[in-house]
Amino acid sequence: MRMPAEPARSHENVDFRRIHRKEAATTTVMVAQSSYRRGGGPPAATARVKADLRATEKEMERLTLTMKHAATYRQLRPLYEEYRQSKDKEKFLRGHEGEIILFEAAARELKRLDAVPLPATKRLRAEMDELTARRTALQSEYKKAQREEREYDTLNQNVRILLERSEDVVLPKERSNELE
């Protein structure tokens, strides 16, 4: 013999406020226990990664300038040495003024960039490759942090909405008690 199916639960007997509060409390506990809460939350993680990314890009810009000025310096150094050893410097300067000015500007910039003594080209390229790889990794980490921040914000917004709704819900049973 078959047992009759349980009657469907009526919504009249369910305390929605308790359910909403329970879900909100569970969600709040989950958020509080997450690693982001201890580390300052997703906004802090995003800001940290963004700062690292900016620092890496700044270092890449500095390295690019160093490489550019080092190449100019290496290319024009023989001409500048020739100028320094010439007997008639005025005549030599008139013939090669642009190159000498470029060489002196490159030497000045290398000193400003603290690239004296002149770094090896291989070392500069290896450092640039490292920075490029780091920038790529930081960019993907930054996108991930942004995505997690959006999820975190959505979760917080849902908790707030859930808590507001649970305070606004008036059950039919309570409503009938209020009328009496």
C-alpha atoms as a PDB file:
ATOM      1  CA  MET A   1       0.000   0.000   0.000  1.00  0.00           C
ATOM      2  CA  ARG A   2       1.299   3.410  -0.921  1.00  0.00           C
ATOM      3  CA  MET A   3       1.706   6.069   1.634  1.00  0.00           C
ATOM      4  CA  PRO A   4       0.006   9.321   0.769  1.00  0.00           C
ATOM      5  CA  ALA A   5       2.409  12.058  -0.248  1.00  0.00           C
ATOM      6  CA  GLU A   6       3.153  14.696   2.322  1.00  0.00           C
ATOM      7  CA  PRO A   7       0.989  17.726   1.853  1.00  0.00           C
ATOM      8  CA  ALA A   8       2.778  20.682   0.368  1.00  0.00           C
ATOM      9  CA  ARG A   9       3.956  23.137   2.965  1.00  0.00           C
ATOM     10  CA  SER A  10       1.988  26.292   3.075  1.00  0.00           C
ATOM     11  CA  HIS A  11       3.856  29.574   3.065  1.00  0.00           C
ATOM     12  CA  GLU A  12       1.684  30.636   6.003  1.00  0.00           C
ATOM     13  CA  ASN A  13       3.706  28.463   8.370  1.00  0.00           C
ATOM     14  CA  VAL A  14       7.138  29.677   7.197  1.00  0.00           C
ATOM     15  CA  ASP A  15       8.802  32.583   8.955  1.00  0.00           C
ATOM     16  CA  PHE A  16      10.457  34.384   6.047  1.00  0.00           C
ATOM     17  CA  ARG A  17      12.233  36.848   8.295  1.00  0.00           C
ATOM     18  CA  ARG A  18      14.020  34.012  10.052  1.00  0.00           C
ATOM     19  CA  ILE A  19      14.987  32.413   6.717  1.00  0.00           C
ATOM     20  CA  HIS A  20      16.263  35.694   5.271  1.00  0.00           C
ATOM     21  CA  ARG A  21      18.162  36.525   8.421  1.00  0.00           C
ATOM     22  CA  LYS A  22      19.620  33.038   8.529  1.00  0.00           C
ATOM     23  CA  GLU A  23      20.781  33.293   4.891  1.00  0.00           C
ATOM     24  CA  ALA A  24      22.129  36.784   5.502  1.00  0.00           C
ATOM     25  CA  ALA A  25      23.944  35.624   8.625  1.00  0.00           C
ATOM     26  CA  THR A  26      25.458  32.675   6.739  1.00  0.00           C
ATOM     27  CA  THR A  27      26.584  34.952   3.934  1.00  0.00           C
ATOM     28  CA  THR A  28      27.970  37.498   6.373  1.00  0.00           C
ATOM     29  CA  VAL A  29      29.935  34.812   8.211  1.00  0.00           C
ATOM     30  CA  MET A  30      31.312  33.556   4.908  1.00  0.00           C
ATOM     31  CA  VAL A  31      32.412  37.072   3.954  1.00  0.00           C
ATOM     32  CA  ALA A  32      33.915  37.680   7.397  1.00  0.00           C
ATOM     33  CA  GLN A  33      35.904  34.455   7.244  1.00  0.00           C
ATOM     34  CA  SER A  34      37.194  35.038   3.749  1.00  0.00           C
ATOM     35  CA  SER A  35      40.842  35.828   3.249  1.00  0.00           C
ATOM     36  CA  TYR A  36      39.900  39.218   1.796  1.00  0.00           C
ATOM     37  CA  ARG A  37      38.364  40.401   5.037  1.00  0.00           C
ATOM     38  CA  ARG A  38      41.635  39.743   6.878  1.00  0.00           C
ATOM     39  CA  GLY A  39      43.701  41.339   4.091  1.00  0.00           C
ATOM     40  CA  GLY A  40      41.606  44.493   3.787  1.00  0.00           C
ATOM     41  CA  GLY A  41      39.129  43.131   1.254  1.00  0.00           C
ATOM     42  CA  PRO A  42      39.235  42.990  -2.527  1.00  0.00           C
ATOM     43  CA  PRO A  43      39.630  46.772  -2.874  1.00  0.00           C
ATOM     44  CA  ALA A  44      42.912  46.555  -0.965  1.00  0.00           C
ATOM     45  CA  ALA A  45      44.097  43.620  -3.090  1.00  0.00           C
ATOM     46  CA  THR A  46      43.194  45.490  -6.270  1.00  0.00           C
ATOM     47  CA  ALA A  47      44.974  48.630  -5.085  1.00  0.00           C
ATOM     48  CA  ARG A  48      48.096  46.645  -4.145  1.00  0.00           C
ATOM     49  CA  VAL A  49      48.267  44.921  -7.530  1.00  0.00           C
ATOM     50  CA  LYS A  50      47.597  48.208  -9.323  1.00  0.00           C
ATOM     51  CA  ALA A  51      50.454  49.881  -7.419  1.00  0.00           C
ATOM     52  CA  ASP A  52      52.797  46.992  -8.288  1.00  0.00           C
ATOM     53  CA  LEU A  53      51.747  47.227 -11.924  1.00  0.00           C
ATOM     54  CA  ARG A  54      52.399  50.971 -12.019  1.00  0.00           C
ATOM     55  CA  ALA A  55      55.813  50.524 -10.409  1.00  0.00           C
ATOM     56  CA  THR A  56      56.720  47.826 -12.940  1.00  0.00           C
ATOM     57  CA  GLU A  57      55.618  49.997 -15.858  1.00  0.00           C
ATOM     58  CA  LYS A  58      57.603  52.938 -14.482  1.00  0.00           C
ATOM     59  CA  GLU A  59      60.687  50.749 -14.214  1.00  0.00           C
ATOM     60  CA  MET A  60      60.140  49.585 -17.797  1.00  0.00           C
ATOM     61  CA  GLU A  61      59.969  53.210 -18.963  1.00  0.00           C
ATOM     62  CA  ARG A  62      63.203  53.993 -17.125  1.00  0.00           C
ATOM     63  CA  LEU A  63      64.877  50.932 -18.628  1.00  0.00           C
ATOM     64  CA  THR A  64      63.660  51.822 -22.136  1.00  0.00           C
ATOM     65  CA  LEU A  65      65.170  55.288 -21.789  1.00  0.00           C
ATOM     66  CA  THR A  66      68.415  53.806 -20.495  1.00  0.00           C
ATOM     67  CA  MET A  67      68.585  51.432 -23.453  1.00  0.00           C
ATOM     68  CA  LYS A  68      67.893  54.258 -25.904  1.00  0.00           C
ATOM     69  CA  HIS A  69      70.523  56.573 -24.441  1.00  0.00           C
ATOM     70  CA  ALA A  70      73.066  53.763 -24.097  1.00  0.00           C
ATOM     71  CA  ALA A  71      72.647  52.898 -27.784  1.00  0.00           C
ATOM     72  CA  THR A  72      73.131  56.547 -28.766  1.00  0.00           C
ATOM     73  CA  TYR A  73      76.152  56.830 -26.474  1.00  0.00           C
ATOM     74  CA  ARG A  74      77.783  53.682 -27.899  1.00  0.00           C
ATOM     75  CA  GLN A  75      77.095  54.753 -31.480  1.00  0.00           C
ATOM     76  CA  LEU A  76      78.504  58.285 -31.122  1.00  0.00           C
ATOM     77  CA  ARG A  77      81.367  57.674 -28.699  1.00  0.00           C
ATOM     78  CA  PRO A  78      84.025  57.083 -31.406  1.00  0.00           C
ATOM     79  CA  LEU A  79      83.040  60.386 -33.050  1.00  0.00           C
ATOM     80  CA  TYR A  80      83.209  62.199 -29.708  1.00  0.00           C
ATOM     81  CA  GLU A  81      86.647  60.714 -28.978  1.00  0.00           C
ATOM     82  CA  GLU A  82      87.748  61.932 -32.399  1.00  0.00           C
ATOM     83  CA  TYR A  83      86.423  65.400 -31.530  1.00  0.00           C
ATOM     84  CA  ARG A  84      88.289  65.458 -28.213  1.00  0.00           C
ATOM     85  CA  GLN A  85      91.576  64.483 -29.908  1.00  0.00           C
ATOM     86  CA  SER A  86      91.255  66.864 -32.860  1.00  0.00           C
ATOM     87  CA  LYS A  87      93.624  69.839 -33.078  1.00  0.00           C
ATOM     88  CA  ASP A  88      91.025  72.226 -34.534  1.00  0.00           C
ATOM     89  CA  LYS A  89      87.982  71.567 -32.313  1.00  0.00           C
ATOM     90  CA  GLU A  90      85.954  74.500 -33.702  1.00  0.00           C
ATOM     91  CA  LYS A  91      86.187  73.186 -37.264  1.00  0.00           C
ATOM     92  CA  PHE A  92      85.345  69.624 -36.159  1.00  0.00           C
ATOM     93  CA  LEU A  93      82.433  70.896 -34.053  1.00  0.00           C
ATOM     94  CA  ARG A  94      80.965  72.793 -37.034  1.00  0.00           C
ATOM     95  CA  GLY A  95      81.040  69.630 -39.128  1.00  0.00           C
ATOM     96  CA  HIS A  96      79.583  67.306 -36.453  1.00  0.00           C
ATOM     97  CA  GLU A  97      77.696  69.603 -34.075  1.00  0.00           C
ATOM     98  CA  GLY A  98      74.417  67.611 -34.066  1.00  0.00           C
ATOM     99  CA  GLU A  99      76.108  64.303 -33.266  1.00  0.00           C
ATOM    100  CA  ILE A 100      78.236  65.822 -30.495  1.00  0.00           C
ATOM    101  CA  ILE A 101      75.185  67.458 -28.903  1.00  0.00           C
ATOM    102  CA  LEU A 102      73.334  64.122 -29.068  1.00  0.00           C
ATOM    103  CA  PHE A 103      76.280  62.313 -27.481  1.00  0.00           C
ATOM    104  CA  GLU A 104      76.569  64.818 -24.635  1.00  0.00           C
ATOM    105  CA  ALA A 105      72.801  64.702 -24.017  1.00  0.00           C
ATOM    106  CA  ALA A 106      72.889  60.884 -23.930  1.00  0.00           C
ATOM    107  CA  ALA A 107      75.824  60.948 -21.477  1.00  0.00           C
ATOM    108  CA  ARG A 108      73.966  63.454 -19.270  1.00  0.00           C
ATOM    109  CA  GLU A 109      70.787  61.352 -19.266  1.00  0.00           C
ATOM    110  CA  LEU A 110      72.692  58.162 -18.470  1.00  0.00           C
ATOM    111  CA  LYS A 111      74.188  59.901 -15.423  1.00  0.00           C
ATOM    112  CA  ARG A 112      70.744  61.123 -14.388  1.00  0.00           C
ATOM    113  CA  LEU A 113      69.377  57.572 -14.726  1.00  0.00           C
ATOM    114  CA  ASP A 114      72.281  56.198 -12.652  1.00  0.00           C
ATOM    115  CA  ALA A 115      73.442  54.080 -15.581  1.00  0.00           C
ATOM    116  CA  VAL A 116      77.131  54.836 -15.113  1.00  0.00           C
ATOM    117  CA  PRO A 117      79.193  52.764 -15.788  1.00  0.00           C
ATOM    118  CA  LEU A 118      77.390  51.891 -18.980  1.00  0.00           C
ATOM    119  CA  PRO A 119      75.353  48.675 -18.512  1.00  0.00           C
ATOM    120  CA  ALA A 120      75.761  45.763 -20.900  1.00  0.00           C
ATOM    121  CA  THR A 121      73.114  45.482 -23.608  1.00  0.00           C
ATOM    122  CA  LYS A 122      72.472  41.807 -22.819  1.00  0.00           C
ATOM    123  CA  ARG A 123      71.831  42.633 -19.173  1.00  0.00           C
ATOM    124  CA  LEU A 124      69.440  45.438 -20.112  1.00  0.00           C
ATOM    125  CA  ARG A 125      67.505  43.163 -22.474  1.00  0.00           C
ATOM    126  CA  ALA A 126      67.324  40.392 -19.863  1.00  0.00           C
ATOM    127  CA  GLU A 127      66.013  42.866 -17.294  1.00  0.00           C
ATOM    128  CA  MET A 128      63.448  44.163 -19.801  1.00  0.00           C
ATOM    129  CA  ASP A 129      62.290  40.591 -20.496  1.00  0.00           C
ATOM    130  CA  GLU A 130      61.869  39.986 -16.745  1.00  0.00           C
ATOM    131  CA  LEU A 131      59.870  43.189 -16.351  1.00  0.00           C
ATOM    132  CA  THR A 132      57.685  42.315 -19.346  1.00  0.00           C
ATOM    133  CA  ALA A 133      56.910  38.884 -17.868  1.00  0.00           C
ATOM    134  CA  ARG A 134      56.176  40.465 -14.484  1.00  0.00           C
ATOM    135  CA  ARG A 135      53.892  43.069 -16.062  1.00  0.00           C
ATOM    136  CA  THR A 136      51.961  40.337 -17.895  1.00  0.00           C
ATOM    137  CA  ALA A 137      51.525  38.362 -14.659  1.00  0.00           C
ATOM    138  CA  LEU A 138      50.451  41.482 -12.757  1.00  0.00           C
ATOM    139  CA  GLN A 139      47.948  42.411 -15.465  1.00  0.00           C
ATOM    140  CA  SER A 140      46.256  39.020 -15.216  1.00  0.00           C
ATOM    141  CA  GLU A 141      46.344  39.245 -11.397  1.00  0.00           C
ATOM    142  CA  TYR A 142      44.852  42.746 -11.602  1.00  0.00           C
ATOM    143  CA  LYS A 143      41.986  41.523 -13.805  1.00  0.00           C
ATOM    144  CA  LYS A 144      41.357  38.662 -11.370  1.00  0.00           C
ATOM    145  CA  ALA A 145      41.385  41.075  -8.401  1.00  0.00           C
ATOM    146  CA  GLN A 146      38.919  43.363 -10.179  1.00  0.00           C
ATOM    147  CA  ARG A 147      36.618  40.422 -10.897  1.00  0.00           C
ATOM    148  CA  GLU A 148      36.785  39.323  -7.239  1.00  0.00           C
ATOM    149  CA  GLU A 149      36.130  42.884  -6.101  1.00  0.00           C
ATOM    150  CA  ARG A 150      32.992  43.009  -8.255  1.00  0.00           C
ATOM    151  CA  GLU A 151      31.853  39.665  -6.805  1.00  0.00           C
ATOM    152  CA  TYR A 152      32.545  40.917  -3.283  1.00  0.00           C
ATOM    153  CA  ASP A 153      30.572  44.115  -3.919  1.00  0.00           C
ATOM    154  CA  THR A 154      27.669  42.110  -5.345  1.00  0.00           C
ATOM    155  CA  LEU A 155      27.733  39.817  -2.316  1.00  0.00           C
ATOM    156  CA  ASN A 156      27.713  42.774   0.088  1.00  0.00           C
ATOM    157  CA  GLN A 157      24.898  44.420  -1.830  1.00  0.00           C
ATOM    158  CA  ASN A 158      22.882  41.184  -1.742  1.00  0.00           C
ATOM    159  CA  VAL A 159      23.374  40.893   2.020  1.00  0.00           C
ATOM    160  CA  ARG A 160      22.208  44.487   2.531  1.00  0.00           C
ATOM    161  CA  ILE A 161      19.145  43.918   0.338  1.00  0.00           C
ATOM    162  CA  LEU A 162      18.385  40.651   2.101  1.00  0.00           C
ATOM    163  CA  LEU A 163      18.591  42.284   5.526  1.00  0.00           C
ATOM    164  CA  GLU A 164      16.393  45.187   4.416  1.00  0.00           C
ATOM    165  CA  ARG A 165      13.763  42.819   2.988  1.00  0.00           C
ATOM    166  CA  SER A 166      13.696  40.684   6.112  1.00  0.00           C
ATOM    167  CA  GLU A 167      12.802  43.745   8.188  1.00  0.00           C
ATOM    168  CA  ASP A 168      10.095  44.810   5.729  1.00  0.00           C
ATOM    169  CA  VAL A 169       8.364  41.418   5.380  1.00  0.00           C
ATOM    170  CA  VAL A 170       5.106  41.164   7.315  1.00  0.00           C
ATOM    171  CA  LEU A 171       3.762  37.679   7.522  1.00  0.00           C
ATOM    172  CA  PRO A 172       0.056  36.968   6.933  1.00  0.00           C
ATOM    173  CA  LYS A 173      -0.217  35.430  10.409  1.00  0.00           C
ATOM    174  CA  GLU A 174       1.231  38.538  12.037  1.00  0.00           C
ATOM    175  CA  ARG A 175      -0.999  40.770   9.985  1.00  0.00           C
ATOM    176  CA  SER A 176      -4.109  38.971  11.232  1.00  0.00           C
ATOM    177  CA  ASN A 177      -2.888  39.377  14.840  1.00  0.00           C
ATOM    178  CA  GLU A 178      -2.424  43.089  14.319  1.00  0.00           C
ATOM    179  CA  LEU A 179      -6.020  43.501  13.158  1.00  0.00           C
ATOM    180  CA  GLU A 180      -7.507  41.912  16.286  1.00  0.00           C
END
